[in-house]
Amino acid sequence: MSNNRLTMEEPWDLVVLGAGPGGYSAAIRAAQLGFRTLCIDRREGPGGVCLHEGCIPSKALLESSRHFEILASGELAVHGIVTAPPALDVAAMMRRKSEVTTSLSRGIETLFRKYKVHWLRGEARLRQPDLVSVVTTEGERTIPARRVLLAAGGQPAELPELPVDGRRILSSRHALALERVPDHLIVVGGGAIGLELGSVWRRLGARVTVVEGLPEILPGWDEPLVRQAKRLFIKQGLNVLTGRRVLGWEADGEGIALRLLGSDGEERLVGSLVLAAAGRRPDPEAAGAAALGVERDGAGRIVVDKEYQTSLPGVYAVGDLIPGPMLAHKAMEEGVIFAERLAGHDVKLNYGAIPYVIYTRPELASVGWTVSQAQAHGLPVKSGQFPFLANGRARAAGEADGMIRMAMEETTGHLVGVHMLGPHVSELIAPAALAVAEGWTAAQLGERPFAHPTLAEALKEAALALAGKAIHA
């Protein structure tokens, strides 16, 4: 729905700058609560980076590439299914990815119409706390607002040694739209973005090298799970180099050569393309709020109070712009809670129970503290674990790698963290996050009946393992 011709003399109750997960969720909930709401974004359709350049297109390609890998690797032979070697049509795969994102974006537009959120495509900028300037195809206009929500999201973190040019050095956006499989893709960054996109192109036939500057990939994750995940990634064909800092690059024919510095000195790594995947950072401009002097912390994130109010009167912020994990679901929750609190409802987000997921194979999922993090906070904890190798559903599916690990406070038995490596743990982390958020003890979780055979039984058994009562291990 385009509203470029709307008259806007009267101030809007709420103008949302950015239609990503945080922005569109806030706009919809605010409209449901009776606020006259306008949402502005520069993209053709709502959804933000998550829908158009991140979460959704990467998952679409992970699914497609996994189907290809299953056929190409001969994995189905163990099931008694023999297939001819498959042919790869990258263009068709990319079309499917685009169709998925387009349909979801149109779905958000449908929700906007349903709840009477006014949608405007344009480049928006905060000129004053109560005045927004927006450039559309019809020219520039100013829009008065009683309140403005900044939901502009983040940007790929820049590596000075690897300036993205879209030709030899790619951002995640470029890596999601390649027209052919590269011979050798070098991924700089051993976190979620690098491992997921590296997995996509490895499955499709590229040689992939992951370069991480820290001593280990997946910093901040449960250490035993990281060690097992790394072994599995290497077994799948990823070449993983840790403890290497990028010093610079140079062209090497049609390819690229990186200069790396490790414990053994300098080395040279030659590839076809480089994906710079060092994470994300808040948008430094924040739709013009920076020029108005909005308060920021040392990491460049906008400082907000419990209402998500910034230092500018009537200006609020959610999502990647403010402190906390840069996750789409965190932004969505903040957007909804912002609108609820605007309406006077006493709700808040439990930031200690936000789940994290990495969609590799096996998947990784985590909520709460790891054992080492809890100990660093002076909390005495006990850990328990259960391997998927002992889970009937995982064995029947042929996906028995990984385990579930739990940490509980020794004195109270309350769960402080649940960490998973295994099949479909992106789904299993939801009940674990609920248990952590609600302050369940390990005993309370272990006493609940779970359907058999299911992968979720591993969650129950891991809880039982904390008391030495696991049945199947």
Protein backbone atom coordinates (compact mmCIF):
# COMPACT_ATOMS: atom_id res chain seq x y z
CA MET A 1 0.00 0.00 0.00
CA SER A 2 1.48 3.32 -1.03
CA ASN A 3 0.34 6.43 0.80
CA ASN A 4 2.47 9.03 -0.97
CA ARG A 5 -0.62 11.22 -1.56
CA LEU A 6 -1.79 11.27 2.06
CA THR A 7 -2.15 14.71 3.59
CA MET A 8 0.07 14.94 6.63
CA GLU A 9 -0.59 18.35 8.17
CA GLU A 10 -1.68 16.79 11.47
CA PRO A 11 1.15 15.18 13.46
CA TRP A 12 1.20 11.41 13.44
CA ASP A 13 0.91 9.70 16.81
CA LEU A 14 3.92 7.60 15.82
CA VAL A 15 6.32 7.66 12.89
CA VAL A 16 8.51 4.57 12.64
CA LEU A 17 11.77 4.96 10.72
CA GLY A 18 12.66 1.50 9.45
CA ALA A 19 10.45 -1.44 8.50
CA GLY A 20 12.65 -4.26 9.71
CA PRO A 21 11.51 -6.72 12.40
CA GLY A 22 11.63 -4.12 15.17
CA GLY A 23 10.02 -1.38 13.11
CA TYR A 24 7.18 -3.26 11.49
CA SER A 25 6.33 -5.10 14.74
CA ALA A 26 6.18 -1.80 16.62
CA ALA A 27 4.07 -0.20 13.89
CA ILE A 28 1.55 -3.04 13.80
CA ARG A 29 1.19 -3.27 17.58
CA ALA A 30 0.93 0.50 17.96
CA ALA A 31 -1.82 0.62 15.33
CA GLN A 32 -3.63 -2.23 17.08
CA LEU A 33 -3.52 -0.15 20.26
CA GLY A 34 -5.11 2.85 18.56
CA PHE A 35 -2.11 4.99 17.60
CA ARG A 36 -2.19 6.66 14.16
CA THR A 37 1.00 5.16 12.79
CA LEU A 38 3.21 5.75 9.76
CA CYS A 39 6.09 3.43 8.87
CA ILE A 40 8.82 4.57 6.45
CA ASP A 41 11.57 2.54 4.82
CA ARG A 42 13.77 3.01 1.78
CA ARG A 43 13.24 -0.52 0.46
CA GLU A 44 10.54 -1.44 -2.02
CA GLY A 45 8.81 -3.56 0.60
CA PRO A 46 8.90 -3.90 4.39
CA GLY A 47 11.02 -6.50 6.15
CA GLY A 48 14.37 -4.79 6.55
CA VAL A 49 17.78 -6.42 6.38
CA CYS A 50 16.49 -9.58 8.05
CA LEU A 51 13.95 -10.32 5.35
CA HIS A 52 15.73 -8.93 2.30
CA GLU A 53 19.45 -9.42 2.99
CA GLY A 54 19.91 -11.64 6.02
CA CYS A 55 17.86 -14.10 8.05
CA ILE A 56 15.32 -15.24 5.47
CA PRO A 57 17.37 -15.38 2.23
CA SER A 58 20.22 -17.13 4.02
CA LYS A 59 17.84 -19.77 5.40
CA ALA A 60 16.29 -20.23 1.97
CA LEU A 61 19.74 -20.90 0.50
CA LEU A 62 20.69 -23.15 3.41
CA GLU A 63 17.61 -25.28 2.70
CA SER A 64 18.23 -25.39 -1.05
CA SER A 65 21.92 -26.16 -0.69
CA ARG A 66 21.17 -28.91 1.84
CA HIS A 67 18.81 -30.60 -0.64
CA PHE A 68 21.54 -30.49 -3.27
CA GLU A 69 24.13 -31.85 -0.84
CA ILE A 70 21.91 -34.79 0.13
CA LEU A 71 21.61 -35.85 -3.50
CA ALA A 72 25.17 -35.07 -4.53
CA SER A 73 26.84 -36.78 -1.57
CA GLY A 74 25.04 -40.10 -1.87
CA GLU A 75 23.67 -39.79 1.68
CA LEU A 76 20.40 -41.36 0.60
CA ALA A 77 22.08 -44.67 -0.30
CA VAL A 78 21.95 -45.77 3.33
CA HIS A 79 18.16 -45.44 3.11
CA GLY A 80 18.13 -47.66 0.04
CA ILE A 81 17.68 -44.74 -2.32
CA VAL A 82 20.12 -44.40 -5.21
CA THR A 83 19.94 -41.29 -7.38
CA ALA A 84 21.80 -40.00 -10.40
CA PRO A 85 24.25 -37.15 -9.76
CA PRO A 86 22.19 -33.92 -9.61
CA ALA A 87 22.72 -30.84 -11.76
CA LEU A 88 22.90 -27.43 -10.12
CA ASP A 89 20.92 -24.43 -11.38
CA VAL A 90 22.15 -21.49 -9.30
CA ALA A 91 19.84 -19.03 -11.06
CA ALA A 92 16.77 -21.11 -10.18
CA MET A 93 17.95 -21.36 -6.59
CA MET A 94 18.33 -17.59 -6.40
CA ARG A 95 14.89 -17.09 -7.94
CA ARG A 96 13.34 -19.27 -5.26
CA LYS A 97 15.16 -17.30 -2.56
CA SER A 98 13.81 -14.05 -4.00
CA GLU A 99 10.28 -15.46 -4.25
CA VAL A 100 10.39 -16.40 -0.56
CA THR A 101 11.50 -12.94 0.53
CA THR A 102 9.06 -11.16 -1.80
CA SER A 103 6.07 -13.19 -0.60
CA LEU A 104 6.91 -12.53 3.05
CA SER A 105 7.37 -8.82 2.40
CA ARG A 106 3.99 -8.66 0.71
CA GLY A 107 2.57 -10.46 3.72
CA ILE A 108 3.76 -7.64 5.97
CA GLU A 109 2.15 -5.12 3.62
CA THR A 110 -1.10 -7.08 3.98
CA LEU A 111 -0.79 -6.81 7.76
CA PHE A 112 -0.19 -3.07 7.43
CA ARG A 113 -3.44 -2.75 5.49
CA LYS A 114 -5.30 -4.97 7.94
CA TYR A 115 -4.29 -2.91 10.96
CA LYS A 116 -4.28 0.48 9.19
CA VAL A 117 -0.55 1.11 9.40
CA HIS A 118 0.32 3.70 6.75
CA TRP A 119 3.32 2.63 4.68
CA LEU A 120 5.60 5.01 2.82
CA ARG A 121 8.64 4.15 0.77
CA GLY A 122 11.37 6.77 0.99
CA GLU A 123 14.66 7.83 2.50
CA ALA A 124 13.74 9.22 5.92
CA ARG A 125 15.79 11.43 8.22
CA LEU A 126 15.08 12.98 11.59
CA ARG A 127 15.37 16.78 11.27
CA GLN A 128 14.01 17.63 14.71
CA PRO A 129 12.69 15.36 17.45
CA ASP A 130 9.16 16.00 16.17
CA LEU A 131 9.88 16.41 12.46
CA VAL A 132 10.89 13.85 9.84
CA SER A 133 12.14 14.61 6.36
CA VAL A 134 11.52 11.94 3.71
CA VAL A 135 12.58 11.79 0.08
CA THR A 136 10.23 9.77 -2.14
CA THR A 137 9.93 9.37 -5.90
CA GLU A 138 7.66 12.41 -5.78
CA GLY A 139 10.21 14.63 -4.05
CA GLU A 140 11.03 15.68 -0.50
CA ARG A 141 8.47 16.32 2.20
CA THR A 142 8.39 16.92 5.94
CA ILE A 143 6.22 14.92 8.31
CA PRO A 144 5.31 16.11 11.82
CA ALA A 145 5.23 13.47 14.56
CA ARG A 146 4.29 13.36 18.21
CA ARG A 147 6.69 10.45 18.63
CA VAL A 148 9.38 8.92 16.43
CA LEU A 149 10.72 5.38 16.74
CA LEU A 150 14.21 4.77 15.34
CA ALA A 151 14.39 1.25 13.93
CA ALA A 152 17.03 1.69 11.25
CA GLY A 153 18.89 -1.48 12.21
CA GLY A 154 22.57 -2.17 11.66
CA GLN A 155 25.21 -2.55 9.00
CA PRO A 156 27.96 -5.08 8.32
CA ALA A 157 30.95 -4.40 10.55
CA GLU A 158 33.76 -2.94 8.48
CA LEU A 159 37.23 -4.42 8.38
CA PRO A 160 39.70 -1.67 7.41
CA GLU A 161 41.98 -4.31 5.88
CA LEU A 162 39.15 -5.65 3.70
CA PRO A 163 37.10 -2.84 2.15
CA VAL A 164 34.03 -4.37 0.50
CA ASP A 165 33.90 -3.68 -3.23
CA GLY A 166 31.32 -6.26 -4.33
CA ARG A 167 33.80 -7.71 -6.81
CA ARG A 168 36.57 -9.51 -4.97
CA ILE A 169 35.58 -8.63 -1.40
CA LEU A 170 31.94 -9.34 -0.60
CA SER A 171 29.50 -8.48 2.16
CA SER A 172 26.85 -10.97 3.23
CA ARG A 173 24.43 -9.27 0.83
CA HIS A 174 26.72 -10.03 -2.10
CA ALA A 175 27.31 -13.61 -0.94
CA LEU A 176 23.55 -14.20 -0.99
CA ALA A 177 23.32 -13.26 -4.66
CA LEU A 178 26.28 -14.90 -6.41
CA GLU A 179 25.54 -16.04 -9.95
CA ARG A 180 27.91 -19.00 -9.87
CA VAL A 181 29.71 -21.19 -7.38
CA PRO A 182 33.18 -19.76 -6.61
CA ASP A 183 36.17 -22.06 -6.83
CA HIS A 184 37.54 -21.00 -3.43
CA LEU A 185 35.62 -18.75 -1.07
CA ILE A 186 37.57 -17.30 1.85
CA VAL A 187 35.29 -16.35 4.73
CA VAL A 188 36.76 -13.89 7.22
CA GLY A 189 34.81 -14.36 10.43
CA GLY A 190 33.98 -17.56 12.29
CA GLY A 191 30.61 -16.50 13.68
CA ALA A 192 27.04 -17.13 12.58
CA ILE A 193 27.15 -15.22 9.27
CA GLY A 194 30.45 -16.68 8.13
CA LEU A 195 29.65 -20.27 9.05
CA GLU A 196 26.16 -20.21 7.57
CA LEU A 197 27.13 -18.66 4.24
CA GLY A 198 30.32 -20.71 4.12
CA SER A 199 28.17 -23.82 4.55
CA VAL A 200 25.88 -22.77 1.68
CA TRP A 201 28.67 -22.46 -0.86
CA ARG A 202 30.60 -25.49 0.41
CA ARG A 203 27.51 -27.64 -0.10
CA LEU A 204 27.20 -26.31 -3.65
CA GLY A 205 30.77 -27.29 -4.50
CA ALA A 206 33.06 -24.43 -3.50
CA ARG A 207 36.22 -24.92 -1.52
CA VAL A 208 35.70 -22.81 1.61
CA THR A 209 38.25 -21.54 4.11
CA VAL A 210 37.07 -19.85 7.29
CA VAL A 211 39.57 -17.41 8.83
CA GLU A 212 39.01 -16.32 12.45
CA GLY A 213 41.23 -13.87 14.29
CA LEU A 214 40.38 -15.21 17.73
CA PRO A 215 41.78 -18.49 19.08
CA GLU A 216 38.49 -20.28 18.37
CA ILE A 217 35.42 -19.94 16.19
CA LEU A 218 32.03 -19.10 17.73
CA PRO A 219 33.30 -16.84 20.53
CA GLY A 220 31.01 -16.74 23.55
CA TRP A 221 29.42 -20.12 22.87
CA ASP A 222 29.66 -23.17 25.13
CA GLU A 223 33.25 -24.38 24.75
CA PRO A 224 32.65 -28.19 24.56
CA LEU A 225 29.97 -27.65 21.91
CA VAL A 226 32.28 -25.36 19.93
CA ARG A 227 35.03 -27.97 19.90
CA GLN A 228 32.63 -30.65 18.66
CA ALA A 229 31.06 -28.33 16.10
CA LYS A 230 34.47 -27.39 14.72
CA ARG A 231 35.38 -31.05 14.26
CA LEU A 232 32.13 -31.65 12.39
CA PHE A 233 32.57 -28.58 10.17
CA ILE A 234 36.07 -29.72 9.24
CA LYS A 235 34.76 -33.21 8.52
CA GLN A 236 32.16 -31.67 6.20
CA GLY A 237 34.91 -29.95 4.23
CA LEU A 238 35.33 -26.50 5.75
CA ASN A 239 38.95 -25.50 6.18
CA VAL A 240 39.09 -23.61 9.49
CA LEU A 241 42.02 -21.32 10.35
CA THR A 242 41.89 -19.71 13.79
CA GLY A 243 44.20 -17.22 15.44
CA ARG A 244 44.89 -15.47 12.12
CA ARG A 245 44.62 -11.71 11.73
CA VAL A 246 44.14 -10.22 8.27
CA LEU A 247 46.91 -7.75 7.45
CA GLY A 248 45.80 -6.84 3.95
CA TRP A 249 45.04 -8.13 0.49
CA GLU A 250 46.17 -7.94 -3.11
CA ALA A 251 44.80 -9.03 -6.45
CA ASP A 252 45.98 -12.42 -7.67
CA GLY A 253 44.96 -12.71 -11.31
CA GLU A 254 41.18 -12.83 -11.27
CA GLY A 255 41.29 -13.86 -7.62
CA ILE A 256 42.53 -12.41 -4.36
CA ALA A 257 45.35 -13.11 -1.91
CA LEU A 258 45.14 -12.34 1.80
CA ARG A 259 48.10 -11.66 4.04
CA LEU A 260 47.50 -13.32 7.39
CA LEU A 261 49.40 -13.11 10.65
CA GLY A 262 49.32 -16.09 12.98
CA SER A 263 51.42 -17.55 15.75
CA ASP A 264 53.90 -18.88 13.18
CA GLY A 265 54.27 -15.57 11.39
CA GLU A 266 52.86 -14.29 8.12
CA GLU A 267 51.21 -16.49 5.51
CA ARG A 268 49.50 -15.94 2.19
CA LEU A 269 46.06 -17.35 1.37
CA VAL A 270 44.78 -17.24 -2.21
CA GLY A 271 41.13 -17.58 -3.15
CA SER A 272 38.55 -16.61 -5.74
CA LEU A 273 36.48 -14.34 -3.49
CA VAL A 274 36.52 -13.11 0.09
CA LEU A 275 33.43 -12.78 2.25
CA ALA A 276 33.94 -10.19 5.01
CA ALA A 277 31.75 -11.61 7.79
CA ALA A 278 32.94 -9.91 10.95
CA GLY A 279 29.45 -9.33 12.32
CA ARG A 280 27.29 -6.22 12.39
CA ARG A 281 27.31 -2.78 14.02
CA PRO A 282 24.63 -0.16 14.72
CA ASP A 283 23.83 2.25 11.90
CA PRO A 284 26.13 5.19 12.75
CA GLU A 285 23.71 7.77 11.33
CA ALA A 286 20.56 6.28 12.91
CA ALA A 287 18.32 8.08 10.40
CA GLY A 288 19.70 11.48 11.36
CA ALA A 289 19.56 11.08 15.14
CA ALA A 290 23.35 11.20 15.38
CA ALA A 291 23.40 14.69 13.88
CA LEU A 292 20.92 15.80 16.55
CA GLY A 293 23.27 14.63 19.28
CA VAL A 294 21.47 11.51 20.50
CA GLU A 295 23.35 9.95 23.42
CA ARG A 296 25.40 6.85 22.59
CA ASP A 297 27.53 4.43 24.57
CA GLY A 298 31.17 3.52 23.89
CA ALA A 299 30.14 0.96 21.27
CA GLY A 300 28.09 3.48 19.30
CA ARG A 301 24.73 2.14 20.47
CA ILE A 302 21.92 4.53 21.33
CA VAL A 303 21.24 4.79 25.06
CA VAL A 304 17.57 4.23 26.00
CA ASP A 305 15.56 3.94 29.21
CA LYS A 306 12.99 1.26 30.07
CA GLU A 307 10.46 2.97 27.80
CA TYR A 308 13.03 2.82 24.92
CA GLN A 309 13.19 6.63 25.11
CA THR A 310 16.42 8.17 23.85
CA SER A 311 18.03 11.41 25.07
CA LEU A 312 15.98 13.27 22.44
CA PRO A 313 12.46 14.15 23.66
CA GLY A 314 9.78 12.05 21.97
CA VAL A 315 12.36 9.93 20.12
CA TYR A 316 12.64 6.22 20.87
CA ALA A 317 14.83 3.39 19.55
CA VAL A 318 14.77 -0.41 19.35
CA GLY A 319 16.66 -3.25 17.73
CA ASP A 320 20.23 -3.17 16.50
CA LEU A 321 20.57 0.53 17.33
CA ILE A 322 20.47 -0.08 21.09
CA PRO A 323 22.42 -2.32 23.51
CA GLY A 324 21.80 -6.06 23.48
CA PRO A 325 22.24 -8.87 20.96
CA MET A 326 21.75 -7.89 17.34
CA LEU A 327 19.00 -10.41 16.65
CA ALA A 328 15.77 -10.03 14.68
CA HIS A 329 13.63 -11.64 17.38
CA LYS A 330 15.10 -9.36 20.04
CA ALA A 331 14.16 -6.36 17.88
CA MET A 332 10.64 -7.72 17.33
CA GLU A 333 10.06 -8.15 21.04
CA GLU A 334 11.39 -4.65 21.75
CA GLY A 335 9.13 -3.18 19.09
CA VAL A 336 6.03 -4.79 20.57
CA ILE A 337 7.00 -3.93 24.17
CA PHE A 338 7.72 -0.32 23.16
CA ALA A 339 4.18 -0.02 21.75
CA GLU A 340 2.67 -1.75 24.79
CA ARG A 341 4.46 0.60 27.18
CA LEU A 342 3.42 3.56 25.06
CA ALA A 343 -0.15 2.48 25.79
CA GLY A 344 0.56 2.27 29.52
CA HIS A 345 0.98 -1.49 29.83
CA ASP A 346 3.59 -2.71 32.32
CA VAL A 347 5.57 -5.21 30.25
CA LYS A 348 9.28 -5.79 29.82
CA LEU A 349 11.72 -8.07 28.05
CA ASN A 350 13.82 -10.64 29.89
CA TYR A 351 17.12 -10.06 28.14
CA GLY A 352 18.70 -13.02 29.93
CA ALA A 353 16.37 -15.46 28.20
CA ILE A 354 16.83 -14.46 24.55
CA PRO A 355 17.80 -17.49 22.46
CA TYR A 356 20.60 -17.54 19.90
CA VAL A 357 20.67 -19.88 16.89
CA ILE A 358 23.18 -20.71 14.15
CA TYR A 359 21.69 -22.62 11.22
CA THR A 360 24.63 -24.77 10.24
CA ARG A 361 24.47 -28.58 10.16
CA PRO A 362 24.21 -29.53 12.93
CA GLU A 363 22.50 -26.41 14.21
CA LEU A 364 23.62 -24.60 17.33
CA ALA A 365 21.27 -22.97 19.82
CA SER A 366 21.82 -21.31 23.17
CA VAL A 367 20.00 -19.44 25.91
CA GLY A 368 21.37 -18.04 29.16
CA TRP A 369 24.85 -18.45 30.57
CA THR A 370 27.42 -21.09 29.76
CA VAL A 371 29.19 -22.78 32.66
CA SER A 372 32.26 -20.57 32.26
CA GLN A 373 30.15 -17.39 32.02
CA ALA A 374 28.25 -18.30 35.20
CA GLN A 375 31.50 -19.02 37.02
CA ALA A 376 32.91 -15.71 35.84
CA HIS A 377 29.93 -14.04 37.54
CA GLY A 378 30.72 -15.90 40.75
CA LEU A 379 27.79 -18.28 40.47
CA PRO A 380 28.42 -21.89 41.55
CA VAL A 381 26.96 -24.10 38.85
CA LYS A 382 26.65 -27.73 37.94
CA SER A 383 26.49 -29.00 34.36
CA GLY A 384 24.80 -31.96 32.74
CA GLN A 385 24.55 -33.18 29.19
CA PHE A 386 22.90 -35.72 26.93
CA PRO A 387 24.13 -36.85 23.49
CA PHE A 388 21.84 -37.11 20.48
CA LEU A 389 23.56 -40.41 19.78
CA ALA A 390 21.38 -41.85 22.57
CA ASN A 391 18.16 -40.33 21.20
CA GLY A 392 15.96 -42.71 19.20
CA ARG A 393 14.49 -40.09 16.87
CA ALA A 394 17.93 -38.68 16.03
CA ARG A 395 19.28 -42.17 15.28
CA ALA A 396 16.27 -43.00 13.10
CA ALA A 397 16.80 -39.77 11.15
CA GLY A 398 20.52 -40.41 10.76
CA GLU A 399 21.35 -37.11 12.46
CA ALA A 400 22.84 -38.10 15.78
CA ASP A 401 25.77 -35.68 16.02
CA GLY A 402 25.82 -33.25 18.91
CA MET A 403 24.43 -32.95 22.41
CA ILE A 404 22.44 -30.79 24.81
CA ARG A 405 24.30 -29.25 27.74
CA MET A 406 22.71 -27.53 30.72
CA ALA A 407 23.97 -25.40 33.56
CA MET A 408 22.07 -25.01 36.83
CA GLU A 409 22.74 -23.05 39.98
CA GLU A 410 23.97 -25.55 42.56
CA THR A 411 22.20 -24.04 45.57
CA THR A 412 18.73 -23.61 44.04
CA GLY A 413 18.71 -26.01 41.10
CA HIS A 414 17.47 -23.24 38.81
CA LEU A 415 18.51 -23.49 35.17
CA VAL A 416 20.83 -20.65 34.17
CA GLY A 417 21.68 -21.83 30.65
CA VAL A 418 20.89 -24.44 27.99
CA HIS A 419 23.20 -25.01 25.02
CA MET A 420 22.64 -27.29 22.06
CA LEU A 421 24.40 -28.73 19.05
CA GLY A 422 22.29 -31.07 16.98
CA PRO A 423 19.39 -31.61 14.58
CA HIS A 424 16.63 -28.98 14.61
CA VAL A 425 17.81 -27.42 17.87
CA SER A 426 16.56 -24.08 16.51
CA GLU A 427 13.15 -25.45 17.45
CA LEU A 428 14.20 -27.18 20.67
CA ILE A 429 15.62 -23.97 22.14
CA ALA A 430 12.11 -22.48 22.55
CA PRO A 431 11.03 -24.65 25.51
CA ALA A 432 14.52 -24.29 27.00
CA ALA A 433 14.25 -20.49 26.79
CA LEU A 434 10.84 -20.68 28.45
CA ALA A 435 12.29 -22.77 31.29
CA VAL A 436 15.13 -20.28 31.84
CA ALA A 437 12.79 -17.27 31.64
CA GLU A 438 10.31 -18.78 34.09
CA GLY A 439 13.00 -19.78 36.57
CA TRP A 440 12.38 -23.52 36.33
CA THR A 441 14.64 -25.93 38.11
CA ALA A 442 16.28 -28.76 36.22
CA ALA A 443 14.12 -31.15 38.22
CA GLN A 444 10.92 -29.42 37.08
CA LEU A 445 11.95 -29.77 33.44
CA GLY A 446 13.13 -33.37 33.86
CA GLU A 447 9.88 -34.42 35.54
CA ARG A 448 7.70 -33.37 32.60
CA PRO A 449 6.55 -36.11 30.17
CA PHE A 450 7.85 -35.74 26.61
CA ALA A 451 6.47 -37.60 23.59
CA HIS A 452 8.49 -40.59 22.40
CA PRO A 453 10.28 -40.79 20.06
CA THR A 454 11.15 -37.10 19.68
CA LEU A 455 14.29 -35.03 19.58
CA ALA A 456 12.87 -33.05 22.50
CA GLU A 457 13.45 -36.04 24.76
CA ALA A 458 17.12 -35.10 24.73
CA LEU A 459 16.14 -31.90 26.55
CA LYS A 460 14.41 -33.91 29.28
CA GLU A 461 17.34 -36.33 29.58
CA ALA A 462 19.87 -33.51 29.84
CA ALA A 463 17.85 -32.09 32.74
CA LEU A 464 17.73 -35.51 34.38
CA ALA A 465 21.49 -35.87 33.88
CA LEU A 466 22.04 -32.94 36.25
CA ALA A 467 20.65 -35.15 39.02
CA GLY A 468 22.35 -38.30 37.75
CA LYS A 469 18.96 -39.69 36.69
CA ALA A 470 19.23 -39.80 32.88
CA ILE A 471 17.61 -43.04 31.66
CA HIS A 472 19.27 -43.43 28.27
CA ALA A 473 22.84 -42.40 29.01
